[in-house]
Structure formats: C-alpha cells, structure tokens
Amino acid sequence: MADPIGDLIDVLKTKDGLTTVNLSGIRSQVVAPAVIVRPFEPWLEPDRYCDFVQRYVAVATVAAASADDGIDRLHTMVIAIIGNLPDGWDWESVGAPIIDESTGTAFLAAPVRLTFKGEA
C-alpha cells in the first residue's frame, strides 16, 4: 500500500521555505514551526471510474509570539507547500490563520486543504 503522507513529506522537507520546519504525520505534540499532514473530512470520495480521491490537510503552524511575524512565516510555508506538490497532489484552499492554544502553547495555524489522486 502506498504512503501518500510519507511521500509528500519526503518531497516537501527539501524545499525552500520548509527546510527548517518539522514535517510529520499526525502527532500528539507539535514543535513549531511545523506542518502536520493528516486525513481530512471526507477522507475518501468517488472519483473517476472505479477510483477515488483522498483528502488531506497540511496544517502549517508557527509560534504566536508576534502576529505579524507569524502571518508572514505561515504565508511562506503555505506558498512552499502549494508550489511544491508532487504528481498526484493538488490543493483546494487555504483556511484563515487561527490562534490555537489546545496544547498549552499559543500557535498560529493555517490549514492547507489537499487532494491526492494516486495509488491507494
């Protein structure tokens, strides 16, 4: 079985704007700056004849020490993700940055909604 998340991370971790970012799949702890790639709702949908599209979200995350610096860093990360997607991947949209304090630390986070059409 193919590993779309692992394959995507392998490509992105070498790209400008993402080389100093922690890239991973689902994690319980986040060390910013980070991009966490995980399945998104709906995860699988019918697509072409006898095939399906997979949906993922890449959550770009930075420490929220300064909102302006955080937004600039998120923008750089998001553009790097969108501009370096490998074959089979596409992006749908990017959500507005939000402040997330669920881990006890304030982060700015922006979701990049992705689709993957390839081997499952």
N, C-alpha and C. Protein backbone atom coordinates (compact mmCIF):
# COMPACT_ATOMS: atom_id res chain seq x y z
N MET A 1 0.84 -1.18 0.00
CA MET A 1 0.00 0.00 0.00
C MET A 1 0.88 1.25 0.00
N ALA A 2 0.51 2.21 -0.79
CA ALA A 2 1.26 3.46 -0.89
C ALA A 2 1.11 4.27 0.40
N ASP A 3 2.07 5.14 0.66
CA ASP A 3 2.04 6.02 1.83
C ASP A 3 2.03 7.46 1.34
N PRO A 4 0.85 7.99 0.97
CA PRO A 4 0.82 9.34 0.41
C PRO A 4 1.36 10.40 1.36
N ILE A 5 1.08 10.30 2.65
CA ILE A 5 1.57 11.31 3.60
C ILE A 5 3.09 11.26 3.68
N GLY A 6 3.66 10.09 3.85
CA GLY A 6 5.11 9.95 3.93
C GLY A 6 5.80 10.43 2.66
N ASP A 7 5.23 10.08 1.50
CA ASP A 7 5.81 10.50 0.23
C ASP A 7 5.76 12.02 0.08
N LEU A 8 4.65 12.64 0.48
CA LEU A 8 4.51 14.10 0.41
C LEU A 8 5.54 14.76 1.32
N ILE A 9 5.68 14.28 2.54
CA ILE A 9 6.63 14.85 3.50
C ILE A 9 8.06 14.73 2.97
N ASP A 10 8.40 13.59 2.37
CA ASP A 10 9.75 13.42 1.82
C ASP A 10 10.07 14.47 0.77
N VAL A 11 9.11 14.83 -0.05
CA VAL A 11 9.32 15.85 -1.08
C VAL A 11 9.41 17.24 -0.45
N LEU A 12 8.47 17.57 0.42
CA LEU A 12 8.39 18.93 0.96
C LEU A 12 9.56 19.31 1.87
N LYS A 13 10.13 18.35 2.60
CA LYS A 13 11.16 18.70 3.59
C LYS A 13 12.44 19.23 2.96
N THR A 14 12.60 19.10 1.66
CA THR A 14 13.80 19.60 0.98
C THR A 14 13.55 20.93 0.26
N LYS A 15 12.36 21.49 0.37
CA LYS A 15 12.01 22.67 -0.41
C LYS A 15 12.21 23.96 0.36
N ASP A 16 12.65 25.01 -0.35
CA ASP A 16 12.82 26.33 0.26
C ASP A 16 11.55 26.74 0.97
N GLY A 17 11.69 27.31 2.14
CA GLY A 17 10.56 27.72 2.95
C GLY A 17 10.12 26.64 3.92
N LEU A 18 10.62 25.40 3.72
CA LEU A 18 10.21 24.30 4.59
C LEU A 18 11.38 23.52 5.17
N THR A 19 12.61 23.86 4.82
CA THR A 19 13.76 23.07 5.27
C THR A 19 13.99 23.16 6.78
N THR A 20 13.52 24.21 7.44
CA THR A 20 13.69 24.34 8.90
C THR A 20 12.40 24.04 9.65
N VAL A 21 11.45 23.44 8.96
CA VAL A 21 10.12 23.16 9.52
C VAL A 21 10.05 21.68 9.89
N ASN A 22 9.42 21.38 11.02
CA ASN A 22 9.16 19.99 11.41
C ASN A 22 7.96 19.48 10.59
N LEU A 23 8.21 18.56 9.70
CA LEU A 23 7.15 17.98 8.87
C LEU A 23 6.85 16.58 9.36
N SER A 24 5.57 16.29 9.57
CA SER A 24 5.22 14.95 10.05
C SER A 24 3.76 14.64 9.75
N GLY A 25 3.43 13.39 10.00
CA GLY A 25 2.04 12.99 10.01
C GLY A 25 1.45 13.35 11.37
N ILE A 26 0.39 12.71 11.75
CA ILE A 26 -0.31 13.02 13.00
C ILE A 26 0.63 12.87 14.19
N ARG A 27 0.63 13.87 15.06
CA ARG A 27 1.47 13.88 16.26
C ARG A 27 0.65 14.40 17.43
N SER A 28 0.98 13.93 18.63
CA SER A 28 0.30 14.45 19.82
C SER A 28 0.96 15.72 20.32
N GLN A 29 2.24 15.90 20.01
CA GLN A 29 2.98 17.11 20.39
C GLN A 29 3.48 17.81 19.14
N VAL A 30 3.37 19.13 19.14
CA VAL A 30 3.81 19.93 17.99
C VAL A 30 4.94 20.84 18.45
N VAL A 31 6.04 20.84 17.69
CA VAL A 31 7.14 21.77 17.92
C VAL A 31 7.18 22.69 16.70
N ALA A 32 6.76 23.93 16.91
CA ALA A 32 6.67 24.89 15.81
C ALA A 32 8.05 25.46 15.48
N PRO A 33 8.28 25.83 14.22
CA PRO A 33 7.35 25.76 13.11
C PRO A 33 7.17 24.31 12.65
N ALA A 34 5.97 24.01 12.24
CA ALA A 34 5.66 22.63 11.84
C ALA A 34 4.59 22.61 10.76
N VAL A 35 4.58 21.52 10.02
CA VAL A 35 3.49 21.19 9.11
C VAL A 35 3.08 19.77 9.46
N ILE A 36 1.84 19.62 9.87
CA ILE A 36 1.29 18.31 10.23
C ILE A 36 0.31 17.91 9.13
N VAL A 37 0.56 16.78 8.50
CA VAL A 37 -0.30 16.30 7.42
C VAL A 37 -1.15 15.17 7.97
N ARG A 38 -2.47 15.28 7.75
CA ARG A 38 -3.38 14.24 8.26
C ARG A 38 -4.58 14.12 7.32
N PRO A 39 -5.29 12.98 7.39
CA PRO A 39 -6.52 12.85 6.60
C PRO A 39 -7.53 13.94 6.97
N PHE A 40 -8.37 14.28 6.01
CA PHE A 40 -9.37 15.33 6.19
C PHE A 40 -10.73 14.78 5.81
N GLU A 41 -11.76 15.44 6.23
CA GLU A 41 -13.14 15.01 6.03
C GLU A 41 -13.72 15.60 4.75
N PRO A 42 -14.35 14.86 3.89
CA PRO A 42 -14.40 13.40 3.84
C PRO A 42 -13.06 12.87 3.32
N TRP A 43 -12.58 11.81 3.92
CA TRP A 43 -11.27 11.29 3.58
C TRP A 43 -11.24 10.71 2.16
N LEU A 44 -12.19 9.85 1.85
CA LEU A 44 -12.24 9.22 0.52
C LEU A 44 -13.56 9.54 -0.14
N GLU A 45 -13.50 9.87 -1.44
CA GLU A 45 -14.70 10.13 -2.22
C GLU A 45 -14.54 9.50 -3.59
N PRO A 46 -15.68 9.10 -4.20
CA PRO A 46 -15.60 8.54 -5.54
C PRO A 46 -15.04 9.59 -6.51
N ASP A 47 -14.30 9.09 -7.49
CA ASP A 47 -13.73 9.99 -8.49
C ASP A 47 -13.95 9.37 -9.86
N ARG A 48 -12.89 9.12 -10.57
CA ARG A 48 -13.01 8.52 -11.89
C ARG A 48 -13.53 7.09 -11.78
N TYR A 49 -13.78 6.49 -12.90
CA TYR A 49 -14.30 5.13 -12.95
C TYR A 49 -13.48 4.21 -12.05
N CYS A 50 -14.13 3.60 -11.07
CA CYS A 50 -13.52 2.64 -10.15
C CYS A 50 -12.31 3.21 -9.40
N ASP A 51 -12.31 4.49 -9.16
CA ASP A 51 -11.20 5.12 -8.44
C ASP A 51 -11.76 6.10 -7.43
N PHE A 52 -10.91 6.69 -6.62
CA PHE A 52 -11.37 7.65 -5.63
C PHE A 52 -10.31 8.71 -5.40
N VAL A 53 -10.74 9.81 -4.79
CA VAL A 53 -9.84 10.89 -4.40
C VAL A 53 -9.69 10.85 -2.89
N GLN A 54 -8.49 11.09 -2.42
CA GLN A 54 -8.22 11.14 -0.98
C GLN A 54 -8.04 12.60 -0.58
N ARG A 55 -8.60 12.97 0.56
CA ARG A 55 -8.48 14.35 1.04
C ARG A 55 -7.60 14.39 2.29
N TYR A 56 -6.72 15.39 2.31
CA TYR A 56 -5.81 15.59 3.43
C TYR A 56 -5.77 17.08 3.77
N VAL A 57 -5.24 17.38 4.93
CA VAL A 57 -4.98 18.76 5.31
C VAL A 57 -3.56 18.82 5.85
N ALA A 58 -2.83 19.84 5.39
CA ALA A 58 -1.49 20.11 5.90
C ALA A 58 -1.62 21.36 6.77
N VAL A 59 -1.52 21.20 8.08
CA VAL A 59 -1.71 22.32 8.99
C VAL A 59 -0.36 22.98 9.26
N ALA A 60 -0.17 24.17 8.70
CA ALA A 60 1.05 24.94 8.92
C ALA A 60 0.91 25.64 10.27
N THR A 61 1.94 25.52 11.12
CA THR A 61 1.88 26.00 12.50
C THR A 61 3.15 26.75 12.85
N VAL A 62 2.98 27.93 13.47
CA VAL A 62 4.12 28.71 13.96
C VAL A 62 3.81 29.20 15.37
N ALA A 63 4.86 29.50 16.13
CA ALA A 63 4.68 30.09 17.46
C ALA A 63 4.06 31.47 17.29
N ALA A 64 3.16 31.83 18.18
CA ALA A 64 2.39 33.07 18.04
C ALA A 64 2.97 34.21 18.87
N ALA A 65 4.30 34.34 18.90
CA ALA A 65 4.92 35.42 19.67
C ALA A 65 4.53 36.78 19.11
N SER A 66 4.52 36.92 17.80
CA SER A 66 4.12 38.16 17.13
C SER A 66 3.19 37.79 15.99
N ALA A 67 1.99 38.36 15.98
CA ALA A 67 1.01 38.03 14.94
C ALA A 67 1.55 38.35 13.55
N ASP A 68 2.17 39.52 13.38
CA ASP A 68 2.68 39.90 12.06
C ASP A 68 3.76 38.94 11.57
N ASP A 69 4.73 38.65 12.43
CA ASP A 69 5.78 37.70 12.05
C ASP A 69 5.19 36.32 11.78
N GLY A 70 4.23 35.92 12.61
CA GLY A 70 3.59 34.62 12.44
C GLY A 70 2.87 34.50 11.12
N ILE A 71 2.12 35.53 10.74
CA ILE A 71 1.38 35.51 9.47
C ILE A 71 2.36 35.45 8.31
N ASP A 72 3.45 36.23 8.37
CA ASP A 72 4.45 36.20 7.30
C ASP A 72 5.06 34.81 7.17
N ARG A 73 5.40 34.19 8.29
CA ARG A 73 6.01 32.85 8.26
C ARG A 73 5.02 31.81 7.74
N LEU A 74 3.75 31.90 8.19
CA LEU A 74 2.72 30.98 7.68
C LEU A 74 2.57 31.14 6.18
N HIS A 75 2.55 32.37 5.71
CA HIS A 75 2.40 32.62 4.26
C HIS A 75 3.54 31.95 3.49
N THR A 76 4.76 32.11 3.97
CA THR A 76 5.91 31.48 3.32
C THR A 76 5.76 29.96 3.28
N MET A 77 5.34 29.38 4.39
CA MET A 77 5.17 27.93 4.47
C MET A 77 4.06 27.45 3.55
N VAL A 78 2.94 28.15 3.55
CA VAL A 78 1.79 27.75 2.73
C VAL A 78 2.14 27.81 1.24
N ILE A 79 2.80 28.89 0.82
CA ILE A 79 3.19 29.02 -0.59
C ILE A 79 4.19 27.93 -0.96
N ALA A 80 5.09 27.57 -0.04
CA ALA A 80 6.04 26.49 -0.31
C ALA A 80 5.33 25.15 -0.47
N ILE A 81 4.31 24.90 0.32
CA ILE A 81 3.54 23.66 0.19
C ILE A 81 2.85 23.62 -1.17
N ILE A 82 2.10 24.68 -1.48
CA ILE A 82 1.33 24.73 -2.72
C ILE A 82 2.24 24.63 -3.95
N GLY A 83 3.37 25.31 -3.90
CA GLY A 83 4.25 25.37 -5.06
C GLY A 83 5.11 24.13 -5.28
N ASN A 84 5.10 23.20 -4.35
CA ASN A 84 5.98 22.03 -4.46
C ASN A 84 5.25 20.70 -4.33
N LEU A 85 3.97 20.68 -4.60
CA LEU A 85 3.22 19.42 -4.52
C LEU A 85 3.66 18.46 -5.61
N PRO A 86 3.97 17.22 -5.26
CA PRO A 86 4.37 16.24 -6.27
C PRO A 86 3.18 15.77 -7.11
N ASP A 87 3.49 15.02 -8.15
CA ASP A 87 2.45 14.47 -9.03
C ASP A 87 1.41 13.72 -8.21
N GLY A 88 0.16 13.88 -8.59
CA GLY A 88 -0.95 13.23 -7.92
C GLY A 88 -1.59 14.10 -6.85
N TRP A 89 -0.88 15.15 -6.41
CA TRP A 89 -1.37 16.04 -5.37
C TRP A 89 -1.86 17.35 -5.98
N ASP A 90 -2.88 17.93 -5.35
CA ASP A 90 -3.37 19.25 -5.72
C ASP A 90 -3.89 19.92 -4.46
N TRP A 91 -4.06 21.22 -4.51
CA TRP A 91 -4.60 21.93 -3.36
C TRP A 91 -5.95 22.50 -3.72
N GLU A 92 -6.82 22.58 -2.72
CA GLU A 92 -8.17 23.11 -2.91
C GLU A 92 -8.29 24.52 -2.36
N SER A 93 -7.79 24.73 -1.14
CA SER A 93 -7.92 26.04 -0.50
C SER A 93 -7.02 26.10 0.72
N VAL A 94 -6.88 27.32 1.24
CA VAL A 94 -6.14 27.54 2.48
C VAL A 94 -7.06 28.30 3.42
N GLY A 95 -7.24 27.77 4.61
CA GLY A 95 -8.09 28.42 5.60
C GLY A 95 -7.37 29.58 6.28
N ALA A 96 -8.15 30.48 6.86
CA ALA A 96 -7.59 31.63 7.57
C ALA A 96 -6.81 31.16 8.79
N PRO A 97 -5.71 31.86 9.09
CA PRO A 97 -4.95 31.52 10.30
C PRO A 97 -5.81 31.71 11.55
N ILE A 98 -5.64 30.80 12.50
CA ILE A 98 -6.33 30.90 13.78
C ILE A 98 -5.31 30.77 14.90
N ILE A 99 -5.64 31.24 16.07
CA ILE A 99 -4.80 31.01 17.24
C ILE A 99 -5.27 29.73 17.91
N ASP A 100 -4.36 28.80 18.08
CA ASP A 100 -4.66 27.51 18.69
C ASP A 100 -3.87 27.41 19.99
N GLU A 101 -4.57 27.26 21.11
CA GLU A 101 -3.91 27.11 22.40
C GLU A 101 -4.22 25.75 23.03
N SER A 102 -4.63 24.79 22.21
CA SER A 102 -5.06 23.49 22.71
C SER A 102 -3.93 22.69 23.35
N THR A 103 -2.68 23.00 23.02
CA THR A 103 -1.56 22.27 23.59
C THR A 103 -0.96 22.99 24.79
N GLY A 104 -1.53 24.13 25.17
CA GLY A 104 -1.00 24.90 26.28
C GLY A 104 -0.04 25.99 25.83
N THR A 105 0.33 25.97 24.55
CA THR A 105 1.18 26.99 23.95
C THR A 105 0.41 27.63 22.83
N ALA A 106 0.53 28.97 22.69
CA ALA A 106 -0.19 29.67 21.63
C ALA A 106 0.53 29.48 20.30
N PHE A 107 -0.21 28.93 19.32
CA PHE A 107 0.29 28.77 17.96
C PHE A 107 -0.65 29.49 17.01
N LEU A 108 -0.11 29.96 15.89
CA LEU A 108 -0.92 30.35 14.75
C LEU A 108 -0.92 29.16 13.81
N ALA A 109 -2.07 28.80 13.31
CA ALA A 109 -2.17 27.63 12.43
C ALA A 109 -3.07 27.95 11.24
N ALA A 110 -2.68 27.46 10.07
CA ALA A 110 -3.47 27.64 8.85
C ALA A 110 -3.56 26.30 8.12
N PRO A 111 -4.78 25.86 7.80
CA PRO A 111 -4.95 24.58 7.11
C PRO A 111 -4.86 24.72 5.59
N VAL A 112 -4.03 23.88 4.97
CA VAL A 112 -3.94 23.80 3.52
C VAL A 112 -4.68 22.53 3.13
N ARG A 113 -5.82 22.68 2.46
CA ARG A 113 -6.64 21.52 2.08
C ARG A 113 -6.12 20.94 0.77
N LEU A 114 -5.79 19.64 0.82
CA LEU A 114 -5.15 18.96 -0.30
C LEU A 114 -5.97 17.79 -0.79
N THR A 115 -5.76 17.42 -2.04
CA THR A 115 -6.34 16.18 -2.57
C THR A 115 -5.21 15.35 -3.17
N PHE A 116 -5.39 14.04 -3.11
CA PHE A 116 -4.43 13.11 -3.68
C PHE A 116 -5.18 12.12 -4.56
N LYS A 117 -4.71 12.00 -5.80
CA LYS A 117 -5.25 11.01 -6.73
C LYS A 117 -4.08 10.15 -7.18
N GLY A 118 -3.98 8.99 -6.61
CA GLY A 118 -2.89 8.09 -6.94
C GLY A 118 -3.19 6.73 -6.38
N GLU A 119 -2.17 5.91 -6.28
CA GLU A 119 -2.37 4.57 -5.74
C GLU A 119 -2.75 4.65 -4.27
N ALA A 120 -3.69 3.79 -3.89
CA ALA A 120 -4.11 3.74 -2.50
C ALA A 120 -3.37 2.66 -1.76
